[in-house]
Full PDB file with SEQRES, HELIX, SHEET, SSBOND, CRYST1, ORIGX, SCALE, CONECT and MASTER records, all heavy atoms in Angstrom:
SEQRES   1 A   39  SER GLY GLY THR MET ASN TYR VAL ASP PHE VAL LYS GLY          
SEQRES   2 A   39  ARG PHE THR ILE SER ARG ASP LEU ASP LYS GLU VAL VAL          
SEQRES   3 A   39  TYR LEU GLU MET ASN ASP LEU LYS PRO GLU ASP THR GLY          
HELIX    1 AA1 ASP A    9  VAL A   11  5                                   3    
HELIX    2 AA2 PRO A   35  ASP A   37  5                                   3    
SHEET    1 AA1 2 PHE A  15  ASP A  20  0                                        
SHEET    2 AA1 2 VAL A  25  MET A  30 -1                                        
CRYST1    1.000    1.000    1.000  90.00  90.00  90.00 P 1           1          
ORIGX1      1.000000  0.000000  0.000000        0.00000                         
ORIGX2      0.000000  1.000000  0.000000        0.00000                         
ORIGX3      0.000000  0.000000  1.000000        0.00000                         
SCALE1      1.000000  0.000000  0.000000        0.00000                         
SCALE2      0.000000  1.000000  0.000000        0.00000                         
SCALE3      0.000000  0.000000  1.000000        0.00000                         
ATOM      1  N   SER A   1       0.817  -1.216   0.000  1.00  0.00           N  
ATOM      2  CA  SER A   1       0.000   0.000   0.000  1.00  0.00           C  
ATOM      3  C   SER A   1       0.849   1.263   0.000  1.00  0.00           C  
ATOM      4  O   SER A   1       0.322   2.356   0.149  1.00  0.00           O  
ATOM      5  CB  SER A   1      -0.922   0.013   1.221  1.00  0.00           C  
ATOM      6  OG  SER A   1      -1.825  -1.062   1.188  1.00  0.00           O  
ATOM      7  N   GLY A   2       2.144   1.106  -0.146  1.00  0.00           N  
ATOM      8  CA  GLY A   2       2.990   2.285  -0.285  1.00  0.00           C  
ATOM      9  C   GLY A   2       3.711   2.725   0.972  1.00  0.00           C  
ATOM     10  O   GLY A   2       4.586   3.573   0.927  1.00  0.00           O  
ATOM     11  N   GLY A   3       3.332   2.155   2.102  1.00  0.00           N  
ATOM     12  CA  GLY A   3       4.087   2.447   3.313  1.00  0.00           C  
ATOM     13  C   GLY A   3       3.951   3.840   3.872  1.00  0.00           C  
ATOM     14  O   GLY A   3       4.914   4.391   4.416  1.00  0.00           O  
ATOM     15  N   THR A   4       2.777   4.455   3.749  1.00  0.00           N  
ATOM     16  CA  THR A   4       2.596   5.776   4.362  1.00  0.00           C  
ATOM     17  C   THR A   4       2.656   5.664   5.882  1.00  0.00           C  
ATOM     18  O   THR A   4       2.340   4.621   6.459  1.00  0.00           O  
ATOM     19  CB  THR A   4       1.256   6.397   3.941  1.00  0.00           C  
ATOM     20  OG1 THR A   4       0.213   5.467   4.226  1.00  0.00           O  
ATOM     21  CG2 THR A   4       1.257   6.711   2.456  1.00  0.00           C  
ATOM     22  N   MET A   5       3.056   6.739   6.513  1.00  0.00           N  
ATOM     23  CA  MET A   5       3.312   6.736   7.942  1.00  0.00           C  
ATOM     24  C   MET A   5       2.363   7.671   8.685  1.00  0.00           C  
ATOM     25  O   MET A   5       1.790   8.585   8.109  1.00  0.00           O  
ATOM     26  CB  MET A   5       4.761   7.130   8.195  1.00  0.00           C  
ATOM     27  CG  MET A   5       5.764   6.139   7.624  1.00  0.00           C  
ATOM     28  SD  MET A   5       7.424   6.827   7.492  1.00  0.00           S  
ATOM     29  CE  MET A   5       7.269   7.724   5.975  1.00  0.00           C  
ATOM     30  N   ASN A   6       2.258   7.410   9.963  1.00  0.00           N  
ATOM     31  CA  ASN A   6       1.412   8.224  10.814  1.00  0.00           C  
ATOM     32  C   ASN A   6       2.068   8.326  12.184  1.00  0.00           C  
ATOM     33  O   ASN A   6       2.717   7.371  12.643  1.00  0.00           O  
ATOM     34  CB  ASN A   6       0.008   7.588  10.936  1.00  0.00           C  
ATOM     35  CG  ASN A   6      -1.021   8.526  11.497  1.00  0.00           C  
ATOM     36  OD1 ASN A   6      -0.768   9.708  11.674  1.00  0.00           O  
ATOM     37  ND2 ASN A   6      -2.197   8.002  11.773  1.00  0.00           N  
ATOM     38  N   TYR A   7       1.912   9.488  12.838  1.00  0.00           N  
ATOM     39  CA  TYR A   7       2.499   9.708  14.146  1.00  0.00           C  
ATOM     40  C   TYR A   7       1.475  10.370  15.054  1.00  0.00           C  
ATOM     41  O   TYR A   7       0.692  11.218  14.622  1.00  0.00           O  
ATOM     42  CB  TYR A   7       3.725  10.630  14.062  1.00  0.00           C  
ATOM     43  CG  TYR A   7       4.871  10.094  13.249  1.00  0.00           C  
ATOM     44  CD1 TYR A   7       4.972  10.381  11.884  1.00  0.00           C  
ATOM     45  CD2 TYR A   7       5.869   9.320  13.832  1.00  0.00           C  
ATOM     46  CE1 TYR A   7       6.025   9.894  11.133  1.00  0.00           C  
ATOM     47  CE2 TYR A   7       6.929   8.835  13.096  1.00  0.00           C  
ATOM     48  CZ  TYR A   7       6.994   9.124  11.749  1.00  0.00           C  
ATOM     49  OH  TYR A   7       8.040   8.637  11.005  1.00  0.00           O  
ATOM     50  N   VAL A   8       1.547  10.032  16.314  1.00  0.00           N  
ATOM     51  CA  VAL A   8       0.757  10.764  17.297  1.00  0.00           C  
ATOM     52  C   VAL A   8       1.445  12.099  17.536  1.00  0.00           C  
ATOM     53  O   VAL A   8       2.662  12.230  17.378  1.00  0.00           O  
ATOM     54  CB  VAL A   8       0.625   9.933  18.592  1.00  0.00           C  
ATOM     55  CG1 VAL A   8       1.950   9.816  19.305  1.00  0.00           C  
ATOM     56  CG2 VAL A   8      -0.453  10.485  19.482  1.00  0.00           C  
ATOM     57  N   ASP A   9       0.674  13.118  17.893  1.00  0.00           N  
ATOM     58  CA  ASP A   9       1.200  14.486  17.940  1.00  0.00           C  
ATOM     59  C   ASP A   9       2.405  14.626  18.870  1.00  0.00           C  
ATOM     60  O   ASP A   9       3.358  15.351  18.558  1.00  0.00           O  
ATOM     61  CB  ASP A   9       0.104  15.456  18.375  1.00  0.00           C  
ATOM     62  CG  ASP A   9      -0.880  15.747  17.260  1.00  0.00           C  
ATOM     63  OD1 ASP A   9      -0.577  15.415  16.088  1.00  0.00           O  
ATOM     64  OD2 ASP A   9      -1.958  16.300  17.550  1.00  0.00           O  
ATOM     65  N   PHE A  10       2.390  13.962  20.007  1.00  0.00           N  
ATOM     66  CA  PHE A  10       3.438  14.217  20.990  1.00  0.00           C  
ATOM     67  C   PHE A  10       4.786  13.602  20.637  1.00  0.00           C  
ATOM     68  O   PHE A  10       5.759  13.774  21.375  1.00  0.00           O  
ATOM     69  CB  PHE A  10       3.002  13.807  22.406  1.00  0.00           C  
ATOM     70  CG  PHE A  10       2.511  12.397  22.532  1.00  0.00           C  
ATOM     71  CD1 PHE A  10       3.388  11.324  22.568  1.00  0.00           C  
ATOM     72  CD2 PHE A  10       1.154  12.132  22.646  1.00  0.00           C  
ATOM     73  CE1 PHE A  10       2.926  10.022  22.694  1.00  0.00           C  
ATOM     74  CE2 PHE A  10       0.680  10.841  22.779  1.00  0.00           C  
ATOM     75  CZ  PHE A  10       1.567   9.781  22.793  1.00  0.00           C  
ATOM     76  N   VAL A  11       4.888  12.897  19.516  1.00  0.00           N  
ATOM     77  CA  VAL A  11       6.190  12.394  19.087  1.00  0.00           C  
ATOM     78  C   VAL A  11       6.618  12.971  17.747  1.00  0.00           C  
ATOM     79  O   VAL A  11       7.729  12.711  17.273  1.00  0.00           O  
ATOM     80  CB  VAL A  11       6.244  10.852  19.020  1.00  0.00           C  
ATOM     81  CG1 VAL A  11       5.860  10.249  20.362  1.00  0.00           C  
ATOM     82  CG2 VAL A  11       5.395  10.309  17.887  1.00  0.00           C  
ATOM     83  N   LYS A  12       5.749  13.736  17.121  1.00  0.00           N  
ATOM     84  CA  LYS A  12       6.103  14.311  15.820  1.00  0.00           C  
ATOM     85  C   LYS A  12       7.346  15.184  15.948  1.00  0.00           C  
ATOM     86  O   LYS A  12       7.459  15.996  16.860  1.00  0.00           O  
ATOM     87  CB  LYS A  12       4.930  15.129  15.277  1.00  0.00           C  
ATOM     88  CG  LYS A  12       3.795  14.284  14.727  1.00  0.00           C  
ATOM     89  CD  LYS A  12       2.674  15.146  14.189  1.00  0.00           C  
ATOM     90  CE  LYS A  12       1.533  14.271  13.635  1.00  0.00           C  
ATOM     91  NZ  LYS A  12       0.392  15.083  13.151  1.00  0.00           N  
ATOM     92  N   GLY A  13       8.268  14.996  15.035  1.00  0.00           N  
ATOM     93  CA  GLY A  13       9.511  15.746  15.062  1.00  0.00           C  
ATOM     94  C   GLY A  13      10.590  15.102  15.915  1.00  0.00           C  
ATOM     95  O   GLY A  13      11.755  15.493  15.843  1.00  0.00           O  
ATOM     96  N   ARG A  14      10.218  14.123  16.726  1.00  0.00           N  
ATOM     97  CA  ARG A  14      11.199  13.443  17.583  1.00  0.00           C  
ATOM     98  C   ARG A  14      11.378  11.973  17.188  1.00  0.00           C  
ATOM     99  O   ARG A  14      12.479  11.438  17.281  1.00  0.00           O  
ATOM    100  CB  ARG A  14      10.769  13.516  19.036  1.00  0.00           C  
ATOM    101  CG  ARG A  14      10.653  14.919  19.595  1.00  0.00           C  
ATOM    102  CD  ARG A  14      10.492  14.901  21.112  1.00  0.00           C  
ATOM    103  NE  ARG A  14       9.279  14.192  21.543  1.00  0.00           N  
ATOM    104  CZ  ARG A  14       9.269  13.195  22.416  1.00  0.00           C  
ATOM    105  NH1 ARG A  14      10.402  12.753  22.940  1.00  0.00           N  
ATOM    106  NH2 ARG A  14       8.128  12.624  22.773  1.00  0.00           N  
ATOM    107  N   PHE A  15      10.303  11.315  16.800  1.00  0.00           N  
ATOM    108  CA  PHE A  15      10.346   9.890  16.460  1.00  0.00           C  
ATOM    109  C   PHE A  15      10.186   9.710  14.951  1.00  0.00           C  
ATOM    110  O   PHE A  15       9.447  10.454  14.296  1.00  0.00           O  
ATOM    111  CB  PHE A  15       9.220   9.127  17.149  1.00  0.00           C  
ATOM    112  CG  PHE A  15       9.341   9.013  18.642  1.00  0.00           C  
ATOM    113  CD1 PHE A  15      10.271   9.734  19.374  1.00  0.00           C  
ATOM    114  CD2 PHE A  15       8.499   8.157  19.342  1.00  0.00           C  
ATOM    115  CE1 PHE A  15      10.371   9.608  20.748  1.00  0.00           C  
ATOM    116  CE2 PHE A  15       8.583   8.016  20.720  1.00  0.00           C  
ATOM    117  CZ  PHE A  15       9.523   8.760  21.416  1.00  0.00           C  
ATOM    118  N   THR A  16      10.867   8.707  14.424  1.00  0.00           N  
ATOM    119  CA  THR A  16      10.757   8.380  13.010  1.00  0.00           C  
ATOM    120  C   THR A  16      10.586   6.877  12.843  1.00  0.00           C  
ATOM    121  O   THR A  16      11.392   6.103  13.379  1.00  0.00           O  
ATOM    122  CB  THR A  16      12.004   8.826  12.231  1.00  0.00           C  
ATOM    123  OG1 THR A  16      12.199  10.237  12.408  1.00  0.00           O  
ATOM    124  CG2 THR A  16      11.846   8.527  10.749  1.00  0.00           C  
ATOM    125  N   ILE A  17       9.561   6.490  12.109  1.00  0.00           N  
ATOM    126  CA  ILE A  17       9.352   5.065  11.813  1.00  0.00           C  
ATOM    127  C   ILE A  17       9.885   4.797  10.410  1.00  0.00           C  
ATOM    128  O   ILE A  17       9.738   5.621   9.498  1.00  0.00           O  
ATOM    129  CB  ILE A  17       7.864   4.679  11.942  1.00  0.00           C  
ATOM    130  CG1 ILE A  17       7.700   3.159  11.937  1.00  0.00           C  
ATOM    131  CG2 ILE A  17       7.010   5.341  10.870  1.00  0.00           C  
ATOM    132  CD1 ILE A  17       6.301   2.700  12.335  1.00  0.00           C  
ATOM    133  N   SER A  18      10.529   3.657  10.249  1.00  0.00           N  
ATOM    134  CA  SER A  18      11.071   3.302   8.939  1.00  0.00           C  
ATOM    135  C   SER A  18      11.089   1.791   8.808  1.00  0.00           C  
ATOM    136  O   SER A  18      10.839   1.061   9.776  1.00  0.00           O  
ATOM    137  CB  SER A  18      12.470   3.884   8.758  1.00  0.00           C  
ATOM    138  OG  SER A  18      13.375   3.333   9.703  1.00  0.00           O  
ATOM    139  N   ARG A  19      11.426   1.344   7.608  1.00  0.00           N  
ATOM    140  CA  ARG A  19      11.363  -0.088   7.334  1.00  0.00           C  
ATOM    141  C   ARG A  19      12.551  -0.480   6.469  1.00  0.00           C  
ATOM    142  O   ARG A  19      12.910   0.227   5.538  1.00  0.00           O  
ATOM    143  CB  ARG A  19      10.038  -0.393   6.620  1.00  0.00           C  
ATOM    144  CG  ARG A  19       9.780  -1.808   6.241  1.00  0.00           C  
ATOM    145  CD  ARG A  19       8.360  -1.955   5.726  1.00  0.00           C  
ATOM    146  NE  ARG A  19       8.062  -1.003   4.686  1.00  0.00           N  
ATOM    147  CZ  ARG A  19       6.832  -0.598   4.375  1.00  0.00           C  
ATOM    148  NH1 ARG A  19       5.801  -1.063   5.049  1.00  0.00           N  
ATOM    149  NH2 ARG A  19       6.630   0.269   3.400  1.00  0.00           N  
ATOM    150  N   ASP A  20      13.180  -1.596   6.802  1.00  0.00           N  
ATOM    151  CA  ASP A  20      14.269  -2.146   6.001  1.00  0.00           C  
ATOM    152  C   ASP A  20      13.804  -3.517   5.507  1.00  0.00           C  
ATOM    153  O   ASP A  20      13.770  -4.474   6.283  1.00  0.00           O  
ATOM    154  CB  ASP A  20      15.545  -2.258   6.835  1.00  0.00           C  
ATOM    155  CG  ASP A  20      16.748  -2.674   6.003  1.00  0.00           C  
ATOM    156  OD1 ASP A  20      16.578  -3.459   5.044  1.00  0.00           O  
ATOM    157  OD2 ASP A  20      17.873  -2.243   6.315  1.00  0.00           O  
ATOM    158  N   LEU A  21      13.447  -3.576   4.236  1.00  0.00           N  
ATOM    159  CA  LEU A  21      12.890  -4.824   3.716  1.00  0.00           C  
ATOM    160  C   LEU A  21      13.948  -5.919   3.624  1.00  0.00           C  
ATOM    161  O   LEU A  21      13.644  -7.098   3.826  1.00  0.00           O  
ATOM    162  CB  LEU A  21      12.247  -4.580   2.350  1.00  0.00           C  
ATOM    163  CG  LEU A  21      11.091  -3.580   2.359  1.00  0.00           C  
ATOM    164  CD1 LEU A  21      10.573  -3.365   0.951  1.00  0.00           C  
ATOM    165  CD2 LEU A  21       9.979  -4.048   3.283  1.00  0.00           C  
ATOM    166  N   ASP A  22      15.173  -5.543   3.336  1.00  0.00           N  
ATOM    167  CA  ASP A  22      16.234  -6.547   3.243  1.00  0.00           C  
ATOM    168  C   ASP A  22      16.455  -7.236   4.587  1.00  0.00           C  
ATOM    169  O   ASP A  22      16.706  -8.442   4.650  1.00  0.00           O  
ATOM    170  CB  ASP A  22      17.535  -5.917   2.765  1.00  0.00           C  
ATOM    171  CG  ASP A  22      17.475  -5.507   1.307  1.00  0.00           C  
ATOM    172  OD1 ASP A  22      16.648  -6.087   0.559  1.00  0.00           O  
ATOM    173  OD2 ASP A  22      18.245  -4.611   0.902  1.00  0.00           O  
ATOM    174  N   LYS A  23      16.377  -6.458   5.659  1.00  0.00           N  
ATOM    175  CA  LYS A  23      16.581  -7.012   6.993  1.00  0.00           C  
ATOM    176  C   LYS A  23      15.271  -7.471   7.630  1.00  0.00           C  
ATOM    177  O   LYS A  23      15.300  -8.045   8.726  1.00  0.00           O  
ATOM    178  CB  LYS A  23      17.263  -5.973   7.893  1.00  0.00           C  
ATOM    179  CG  LYS A  23      18.664  -5.616   7.430  1.00  0.00           C  
ATOM    180  CD  LYS A  23      19.322  -4.627   8.380  1.00  0.00           C  
ATOM    181  CE  LYS A  23      20.743  -4.309   7.917  1.00  0.00           C  
ATOM    182  NZ  LYS A  23      21.415  -3.318   8.811  1.00  0.00           N  
ATOM    183  N   GLU A  24      14.142  -7.180   6.976  1.00  0.00           N  
ATOM    184  CA  GLU A  24      12.817  -7.551   7.489  1.00  0.00           C  
ATOM    185  C   GLU A  24      12.589  -6.957   8.885  1.00  0.00           C  
ATOM    186  O   GLU A  24      12.240  -7.667   9.833  1.00  0.00           O  
ATOM    187  CB  GLU A  24      12.640  -9.067   7.491  1.00  0.00           C  
ATOM    188  CG  GLU A  24      12.743  -9.677   6.107  1.00  0.00           C  
ATOM    189  CD  GLU A  24      12.575 -11.185   6.090  1.00  0.00           C  
ATOM    190  OE1 GLU A  24      12.770 -11.822   7.138  1.00  0.00           O  
ATOM    191  OE2 GLU A  24      12.244 -11.720   5.023  1.00  0.00           O  
ATOM    192  N   VAL A  25      12.803  -5.669   8.974  1.00  0.00           N  
ATOM    193  CA  VAL A  25      12.722  -4.975  10.255  1.00  0.00           C  
ATOM    194  C   VAL A  25      11.999  -3.640  10.079  1.00  0.00           C  
ATOM    195  O   VAL A  25      12.179  -2.969   9.065  1.00  0.00           O  
ATOM    196  CB  VAL A  25      14.126  -4.704  10.838  1.00  0.00           C  
ATOM    197  CG1 VAL A  25      14.028  -3.883  12.102  1.00  0.00           C  
ATOM    198  CG2 VAL A  25      14.840  -6.001  11.128  1.00  0.00           C  
ATOM    199  N   VAL A  26      11.199  -3.293  11.059  1.00  0.00           N  
ATOM    200  CA  VAL A  26      10.644  -1.941  11.176  1.00  0.00           C  
ATOM    201  C   VAL A  26      11.326  -1.280  12.370  1.00  0.00           C  
ATOM    202  O   VAL A  26      11.404  -1.871  13.450  1.00  0.00           O  
ATOM    203  CB  VAL A  26       9.119  -1.976  11.363  1.00  0.00           C  
ATOM    204  CG1 VAL A  26       8.586  -0.575  11.669  1.00  0.00           C  
ATOM    205  CG2 VAL A  26       8.448  -2.535  10.115  1.00  0.00           C  
ATOM    206  N   TYR A  27      11.794  -0.064  12.158  1.00  0.00           N  
ATOM    207  CA  TYR A  27      12.508   0.660  13.208  1.00  0.00           C  
ATOM    208  C   TYR A  27      11.640   1.795  13.758  1.00  0.00           C  
ATOM    209  O   TYR A  27      10.795   2.352  13.062  1.00  0.00           O  
ATOM    210  CB  TYR A  27      13.795   1.275  12.663  1.00  0.00           C  
ATOM    211  CG  TYR A  27      14.809   0.290  12.167  1.00  0.00           C  
ATOM    212  CD1 TYR A  27      15.081   0.161  10.804  1.00  0.00           C  
ATOM    213  CD2 TYR A  27      15.520  -0.520  13.055  1.00  0.00           C  
ATOM    214  CE1 TYR A  27      16.014  -0.732  10.339  1.00  0.00           C  
ATOM    215  CE2 TYR A  27      16.457  -1.427  12.594  1.00  0.00           C  
ATOM    216  CZ  TYR A  27      16.700  -1.530  11.238  1.00  0.00           C  
ATOM    217  OH  TYR A  27      17.629  -2.426  10.783  1.00  0.00           O  
ATOM    218  N   LEU A  28      11.902   2.136  14.996  1.00  0.00           N  
ATOM    219  CA  LEU A  28      11.389   3.366  15.577  1.00  0.00           C  
ATOM    220  C   LEU A  28      12.580   4.110  16.154  1.00  0.00           C  
ATOM    221  O   LEU A  28      13.122   3.725  17.186  1.00  0.00           O  
ATOM    222  CB  LEU A  28      10.344   3.096  16.663  1.00  0.00           C  
ATOM    223  CG  LEU A  28       9.692   4.357  17.235  1.00  0.00           C  
ATOM    224  CD1 LEU A  28       8.819   5.032  16.171  1.00  0.00           C  
ATOM    225  CD2 LEU A  28       8.869   4.047  18.483  1.00  0.00           C  
ATOM    226  N   GLU A  29      12.996   5.138  15.429  1.00  0.00           N  
ATOM    227  CA  GLU A  29      14.105   5.985  15.882  1.00  0.00           C  
ATOM    228  C   GLU A  29      13.528   7.048  16.811  1.00  0.00           C  
ATOM    229  O   GLU A  29      12.635   7.814  16.418  1.00  0.00           O  
ATOM    230  CB  GLU A  29      14.777   6.640  14.686  1.00  0.00           C  
ATOM    231  CG  GLU A  29      15.997   7.473  15.028  1.00  0.00           C  
ATOM    232  CD  GLU A  29      17.228   6.631  15.334  1.00  0.00           C  
ATOM    233  OE1 GLU A  29      17.382   5.582  14.696  1.00  0.00           O  
ATOM    234  OE2 GLU A  29      18.015   7.031  16.212  1.00  0.00           O  
ATOM    235  N   MET A  30      14.024   7.094  18.034  1.00  0.00           N  
ATOM    236  CA  MET A  30      13.491   8.017  19.039  1.00  0.00           C  
ATOM    237  C   MET A  30      14.583   8.972  19.469  1.00  0.00           C  
ATOM    238  O   MET A  30      15.630   8.537  19.988  1.00  0.00           O  
ATOM    239  CB  MET A  30      12.960   7.247  20.253  1.00  0.00           C  
ATOM    240  CG  MET A  30      11.948   6.163  19.876  1.00  0.00           C  
ATOM    241  SD  MET A  30      11.182   5.381  21.308  1.00  0.00           S  
ATOM    242  CE  MET A  30      12.611   4.584  22.047  1.00  0.00           C  
ATOM    243  N   ASN A  31      14.371  10.258  19.256  1.00  0.00           N  
ATOM    244  CA  ASN A  31      15.329  11.295  19.617  1.00  0.00           C  
ATOM    245  C   ASN A  31      14.716  12.251  20.634  1.00  0.00           C  
ATOM    246  O   ASN A  31      13.493  12.309  20.791  1.00  0.00           O  
ATOM    247  CB  ASN A  31      15.760  12.059  18.362  1.00  0.00           C  
ATOM    248  CG  ASN A  31      16.461  11.177  17.360  1.00  0.00           C  
ATOM    249  OD1 ASN A  31      17.367  10.419  17.695  1.00  0.00           O  
ATOM    250  ND2 ASN A  31      16.047  11.264  16.096  1.00  0.00           N  
ATOM    251  N   ASP A  32      15.593  13.002  21.296  1.00  0.00           N  
ATOM    252  CA  ASP A  32      15.142  13.984  22.287  1.00  0.00           C  
ATOM    253  C   ASP A  32      14.170  13.343  23.275  1.00  0.00           C  
ATOM    254  O   ASP A  32      13.072  13.867  23.519  1.00  0.00           O  
ATOM    255  CB  ASP A  32      14.499  15.188  21.582  1.00  0.00           C  
ATOM    256  CG  ASP A  32      14.217  16.343  22.522  1.00  0.00           C  
ATOM    257  OD1 ASP A  32      14.883  16.429  23.576  1.00  0.00           O  
ATOM    258  OD2 ASP A  32      13.321  17.151  22.223  1.00  0.00           O  
ATOM    259  N   LEU A  33      14.564  12.240  23.824  1.00  0.00           N  
ATOM    260  CA  LEU A  33      13.671  11.494  24.712  1.00  0.00           C  
ATOM    261  C   LEU A  33      13.396  12.244  26.003  1.00  0.00           C  
ATOM    262  O   LEU A  33      14.279  12.948  26.535  1.00  0.00           O  
ATOM    263  CB  LEU A  33      14.250  10.115  25.004  1.00  0.00           C  
ATOM    264  CG  LEU A  33      14.094   9.130  23.836  1.00  0.00           C  
ATOM    265  CD1 LEU A  33      15.039   7.944  23.996  1.00  0.00           C  
ATOM    266  CD2 LEU A  33      12.652   8.648  23.733  1.00  0.00           C  
ATOM    267  N   LYS A  34      12.187  12.088  26.497  1.00  0.00           N  
ATOM    268  CA  LYS A  34      11.721  12.759  27.704  1.00  0.00           C  
ATOM    269  C   LYS A  34      11.312  11.711  28.736  1.00  0.00           C  
ATOM    270  O   LYS A  34      10.975  10.567  28.362  1.00  0.00           O  
ATOM    271  CB  LYS A  34      10.527  13.641  27.368  1.00  0.00           C  
ATOM    272  CG  LYS A  34      10.774  14.621  26.220  1.00  0.00           C  
ATOM    273  CD  LYS A  34       9.522  15.373  25.864  1.00  0.00           C  
ATOM    274  CE  LYS A  34       9.698  16.247  24.627  1.00  0.00           C  
ATOM    275  NZ  LYS A  34      10.738  17.259  24.804  1.00  0.00           N  
ATOM    276  N   PRO A  35      11.277  12.065  30.001  1.00  0.00           N  
ATOM    277  CA  PRO A  35      10.857  11.079  31.022  1.00  0.00           C  
ATOM    278  C   PRO A  35       9.481  10.487  30.718  1.00  0.00           C  
ATOM    279  O   PRO A  35       9.249   9.301  30.997  1.00  0.00           O  
ATOM    280  CB  PRO A  35      10.847  11.906  32.309  1.00  0.00           C  
ATOM    281  CG  PRO A  35      11.859  12.974  32.064  1.00  0.00           C  
ATOM    282  CD  PRO A  35      11.741  13.323  30.615  1.00  0.00           C  
ATOM    283  N   GLU A  36       8.594  11.270  30.140  1.00  0.00           N  
ATOM    284  CA  GLU A  36       7.246  10.766  29.834  1.00  0.00           C  
ATOM    285  C   GLU A  36       7.229   9.757  28.684  1.00  0.00           C  
ATOM    286  O   GLU A  36       6.196   9.158  28.392  1.00  0.00           O  
ATOM    287  CB  GLU A  36       6.282  11.922  29.528  1.00  0.00           C  
ATOM    288  CG  GLU A  36       6.772  12.898  28.489  1.00  0.00           C  
ATOM    289  CD  GLU A  36       7.462  14.106  29.097  1.00  0.00           C  
ATOM    290  OE1 GLU A  36       8.215  13.937  30.089  1.00  0.00           O  
ATOM    291  OE2 GLU A  36       7.259  15.218  28.554  1.00  0.00           O  
ATOM    292  N   ASP A  37       8.365   9.564  28.025  1.00  0.00           N  
ATOM    293  CA  ASP A  37       8.468   8.524  27.002  1.00  0.00           C  
ATOM    294  C   ASP A  37       8.745   7.149  27.610  1.00  0.00           C  
ATOM    295  O   ASP A  37       8.762   6.141  26.905  1.00  0.00           O  
ATOM    296  CB  ASP A  37       9.567   8.854  25.990  1.00  0.00           C  
ATOM    297  CG  ASP A  37       9.270  10.082  25.159  1.00  0.00           C  
ATOM    298  OD1 ASP A  37       8.107  10.234  24.731  1.00  0.00           O  
ATOM    299  OD2 ASP A  37      10.190  10.889  24.950  1.00  0.00           O  
ATOM    300  N   THR A  38       8.971   7.111  28.903  1.00  0.00           N  
ATOM    301  CA  THR A  38       9.239   5.848  29.590  1.00  0.00           C  
ATOM    302  C   THR A  38       8.046   4.918  29.487  1.00  0.00           C  
ATOM    303  O   THR A  38       6.894   5.334  29.644  1.00  0.00           O  
ATOM    304  CB  THR A  38       9.565   6.106  31.062  1.00  0.00           C  
ATOM    305  OG1 THR A  38      10.810   6.814  31.139  1.00  0.00           O  
ATOM    306  CG2 THR A  38       9.678   4.816  31.847  1.00  0.00           C  
ATOM    307  N   GLY A  39       8.315   3.646  29.223  1.00  0.00           N  
ATOM    308  CA  GLY A  39       7.259   2.656  29.156  1.00  0.00           C  
ATOM    309  C   GLY A  39       7.714   1.417  28.424  1.00  0.00           C  
ATOM    310  O   GLY A  39       8.869   1.331  27.977  1.00  0.00           O  
TER     311      GLY A  39                                                      
MASTER        0    0    0    2    2    0    0    6  310    1    0    3          
END                                                                             
């Protein structure tokens, strides 16, 4: 379906979702982490 992405507002600009088909992995790159990101 083209792999369009969606983010919840409180992570926009900080988190990035991506996919590596060769490695068969989906990543979540998380930057500028805050205590409220704990979980």
